[in-house]
Protein backbone atom coordinates (compact mmCIF):
# COMPACT_ATOMS: atom_id res chain seq x y z
CA MET A 1 -97.04 -67.94 43.36
CA ASP A 2 -95.85 -64.45 44.22
CA ILE A 3 -93.15 -62.46 42.41
CA ALA A 4 -90.16 -62.11 44.72
CA CYS A 5 -86.68 -60.69 44.99
CA SER A 6 -83.68 -61.84 46.99
CA VAL A 7 -82.55 -59.91 50.04
CA GLY A 8 -79.35 -61.58 51.12
CA ALA A 9 -80.18 -65.28 51.17
CA GLU A 10 -83.89 -64.63 51.76
CA ARG A 11 -86.58 -64.38 49.07
CA VAL A 12 -89.03 -61.53 49.69
CA ALA A 13 -92.43 -61.25 47.96
CA LEU A 14 -93.11 -58.12 45.90
CA ILE A 15 -96.54 -58.79 44.35
CA THR A 16 -99.17 -61.52 44.51
CA GLU A 17 -99.94 -63.51 41.41
CA GLU A 18 -103.58 -62.35 41.51
CA TYR A 19 -102.60 -58.66 41.60
CA ARG A 20 -100.10 -59.25 38.82
CA ARG A 21 -102.92 -60.75 36.72
CA LEU A 22 -105.20 -57.77 37.46
CA ASN A 23 -102.48 -55.33 36.40
CA ARG A 24 -101.74 -57.34 33.25
CA GLU A 25 -105.44 -56.94 32.32
CA ALA A 26 -105.31 -53.20 33.07
CA HIS A 27 -102.31 -52.85 30.74
CA GLU A 28 -104.54 -53.96 27.85
CA ASP A 29 -105.85 -50.36 27.93
CA PRO A 30 -103.47 -48.35 25.71
CA ARG A 31 -103.65 -45.41 28.16
CA TYR A 32 -102.55 -47.44 31.20
CA GLY A 33 -98.85 -47.31 32.06
CA THR A 34 -97.93 -44.30 29.93
CA ALA A 35 -96.86 -41.66 32.50
CA GLY A 36 -93.09 -42.17 32.20
CA GLN A 37 -92.40 -39.55 29.55
CA MET A 38 -94.03 -36.85 31.72
CA HIS A 39 -91.02 -37.02 34.04
CA ALA A 40 -88.28 -37.29 31.39
CA ASP A 41 -86.79 -33.87 32.23
CA LEU A 42 -86.17 -34.87 35.85
CA VAL A 43 -84.86 -38.31 34.89
CA GLN A 44 -82.53 -36.88 32.23
CA SER A 45 -81.23 -34.32 34.73
CA VAL A 46 -80.34 -37.07 37.22
CA ILE A 47 -78.72 -39.15 34.47
CA ASP A 48 -76.61 -36.16 33.40
CA ARG A 49 -75.66 -35.05 36.93
CA SER A 50 -74.74 -38.58 38.06
CA GLY A 51 -72.89 -39.63 34.92
CA ALA A 52 -75.15 -42.67 34.71
CA ARG A 53 -74.58 -45.17 31.94
CA ALA A 54 -77.64 -47.35 32.63
CA LEU A 55 -81.19 -46.60 33.74
CA LEU A 56 -83.69 -49.14 35.05
CA ASP A 57 -87.32 -48.10 34.58
CA TYR A 58 -88.87 -50.07 37.47
CA GLY A 59 -92.56 -50.56 36.70
CA CYS A 60 -92.07 -49.34 33.14
CA GLY A 61 -95.54 -50.03 31.75
CA LYS A 62 -95.58 -49.07 28.07
CA GLN A 63 -91.95 -47.82 28.33
CA THR A 64 -92.83 -44.29 27.21
CA LEU A 65 -89.79 -42.96 29.07
CA SER A 66 -87.36 -44.87 26.82
CA GLY A 67 -87.77 -42.63 23.78
CA ALA A 68 -87.50 -39.43 25.83
CA LEU A 69 -83.96 -40.03 27.17
CA SER A 70 -80.51 -39.80 25.66
CA GLY A 71 -77.01 -40.94 26.52
CA VAL A 72 -78.03 -43.89 28.68
CA GLU A 73 -78.77 -47.58 28.27
CA TYR A 74 -82.49 -47.99 29.02
CA ARG A 75 -83.83 -51.15 30.68
CA GLY A 76 -87.48 -51.77 31.46
CA TYR A 77 -88.94 -53.94 34.20
CA ASP A 78 -92.61 -54.53 34.95
CA PRO A 79 -93.84 -57.56 36.90
CA ALA A 80 -97.22 -57.42 35.13
CA LEU A 81 -95.90 -57.55 31.57
CA PRO A 82 -94.61 -60.72 29.93
CA GLY A 83 -91.13 -60.20 28.56
CA LEU A 84 -90.44 -57.41 31.05
CA ASP A 85 -91.13 -59.42 34.20
CA GLY A 86 -87.79 -61.17 34.64
CA PRO A 87 -85.51 -60.20 37.52
CA PRO A 88 -84.01 -56.81 36.64
CA ALA A 89 -80.31 -56.05 36.73
CA PRO A 90 -79.04 -53.13 38.81
CA ALA A 91 -78.41 -49.78 37.11
CA ASP A 92 -76.75 -46.50 38.00
CA VAL A 93 -80.15 -44.80 38.20
CA VAL A 94 -83.54 -46.40 38.83
CA TYR A 95 -86.76 -44.59 37.94
CA CYS A 96 -89.86 -45.78 39.79
CA GLY A 97 -92.69 -43.59 38.56
CA ASP A 98 -96.41 -44.04 39.11
CA VAL A 99 -95.69 -47.37 40.80
CA MET A 100 -95.69 -47.14 44.60
CA GLU A 101 -99.34 -46.10 44.84
CA HIS A 102 -100.16 -49.32 42.95
CA VAL A 103 -98.09 -51.63 45.17
CA GLU A 104 -100.05 -53.89 47.50
CA GLU A 105 -99.73 -52.34 50.96
CA GLN A 106 -98.10 -55.37 52.56
CA PHE A 107 -95.25 -55.19 50.03
CA THR A 108 -94.45 -51.47 50.40
CA ASP A 109 -91.21 -51.94 52.33
CA ALA A 110 -90.06 -54.86 50.18
CA VAL A 111 -90.57 -52.95 46.91
CA LEU A 112 -88.84 -49.84 48.27
CA ALA A 113 -85.90 -51.98 49.39
CA ASP A 114 -85.80 -53.73 46.00
CA VAL A 115 -85.75 -50.42 44.10
CA ALA A 116 -83.04 -49.03 46.40
CA SER A 117 -80.94 -52.18 46.04
CA MET A 118 -81.03 -51.85 42.24
CA ALA A 119 -79.81 -48.21 42.23
CA GLY A 120 -76.08 -47.60 42.19
CA LYS A 121 -76.17 -43.80 42.33
CA ALA A 122 -79.77 -42.63 42.64
CA ALA A 123 -83.39 -43.69 42.62
CA ILE A 124 -86.12 -41.38 41.35
CA PHE A 125 -89.66 -41.80 42.64
CA THR A 126 -92.86 -40.19 41.43
CA ILE A 127 -95.69 -41.23 43.72
CA CYS A 128 -99.32 -40.15 43.43
CA CYS A 129 -100.66 -39.19 46.86
CA ALA A 130 -104.36 -39.30 45.92
CA GLU A 131 -106.98 -41.84 44.96
CA GLY A 132 -107.06 -42.65 41.26
CA ASN A 133 -110.05 -43.19 38.99
CA ARG A 134 -109.17 -46.64 37.63
CA ILE A 135 -110.92 -49.67 39.10
CA LEU A 136 -109.31 -53.04 38.47
CA GLY A 137 -111.09 -56.27 37.57
CA ASP A 138 -111.65 -57.17 41.23
CA GLY A 139 -113.74 -54.01 41.75
CA LYS A 140 -111.04 -52.30 43.86
CA PRO A 141 -109.06 -49.15 42.99
CA ALA A 142 -105.73 -49.47 41.19
CA HIS A 143 -104.27 -46.98 43.69
CA ARG A 144 -104.12 -49.29 46.72
CA ASN A 145 -101.26 -47.67 48.56
CA VAL A 146 -102.18 -43.99 48.92
CA HIS A 147 -100.37 -42.01 51.61
CA PRO A 148 -99.39 -38.37 52.19
CA VAL A 149 -95.95 -37.05 51.24
CA GLU A 150 -94.78 -37.29 54.86
CA PHE A 151 -95.29 -41.07 54.83
CA TRP A 152 -93.19 -41.51 51.69
CA ARG A 153 -90.56 -39.02 52.88
CA GLY A 154 -90.10 -41.05 56.06
CA LYS A 155 -89.79 -44.34 54.18
CA LEU A 156 -87.42 -43.04 51.50
CA SER A 157 -85.11 -41.11 53.84
CA ALA A 158 -83.76 -44.48 55.03
CA TYR A 159 -82.17 -45.03 51.60
CA GLY A 160 -80.19 -41.82 51.05
CA ARG A 161 -80.27 -38.05 50.75
CA LEU A 162 -83.60 -36.75 49.46
CA GLU A 163 -83.83 -34.09 46.75
CA GLU A 164 -87.49 -33.12 46.48
CA HIS A 165 -89.08 -31.66 43.35
CA GLU A 166 -92.40 -29.97 42.77
CA GLY A 167 -95.14 -32.19 41.38
CA ILE A 168 -96.31 -31.68 37.80
CA ALA A 169 -99.47 -33.83 37.71
CA SER A 170 -103.02 -32.62 38.30
CA LYS A 171 -103.22 -34.75 41.48
CA PRO A 172 -100.91 -34.39 44.49
CA GLU A 173 -97.70 -36.27 43.90
CA TYR A 174 -94.31 -36.70 45.53
CA ARG A 175 -91.36 -36.39 43.17
CA VAL A 176 -88.07 -37.14 44.81
CA VAL A 177 -84.54 -38.23 43.97
CA VAL A 178 -82.90 -40.46 46.54
CA TRP A 179 -79.15 -39.98 46.21
CA LYS A 180 -77.17 -42.94 47.50
CA GLY A 181 -73.86 -42.53 49.27
CA ASN A 182 -72.77 -39.20 50.69
């Protein structure tokens, strides 16, 4: 069984059950899924500028972003973590950090569409554009969806106005706010 979302009347797969299991195992490492707080300044800035009341941390991992924000209702969603894997509710702002490079390639467009559909005002993406060091239990890299910035820019421009920010990680990354509406 795959994890899916609804697009209109159609159910669209977002992750295979096997990959979900592999990521659940990876999350047993206390260091895995902890990057959220690194981007708290950008996320807080978008919350403040948009007047957001709710934030959805899409692919929240250990939820390290939650304690670094103020003035917003925080909601976490992660398909690999029991208790956080239920269908998320939309929010004013959606943060999707250190997620897209982990998405199975065949689900790239579906996950991007799901994130965009959840965001009322803006979606924030932080995407690593380089191979990672972690190998999952199947012997394959955790970063399965590595592309240059231009690839992600092209995909994300379909969802709104892009506001690009300089990366802060040691590896090349694309940090972008997708503003919905005008």
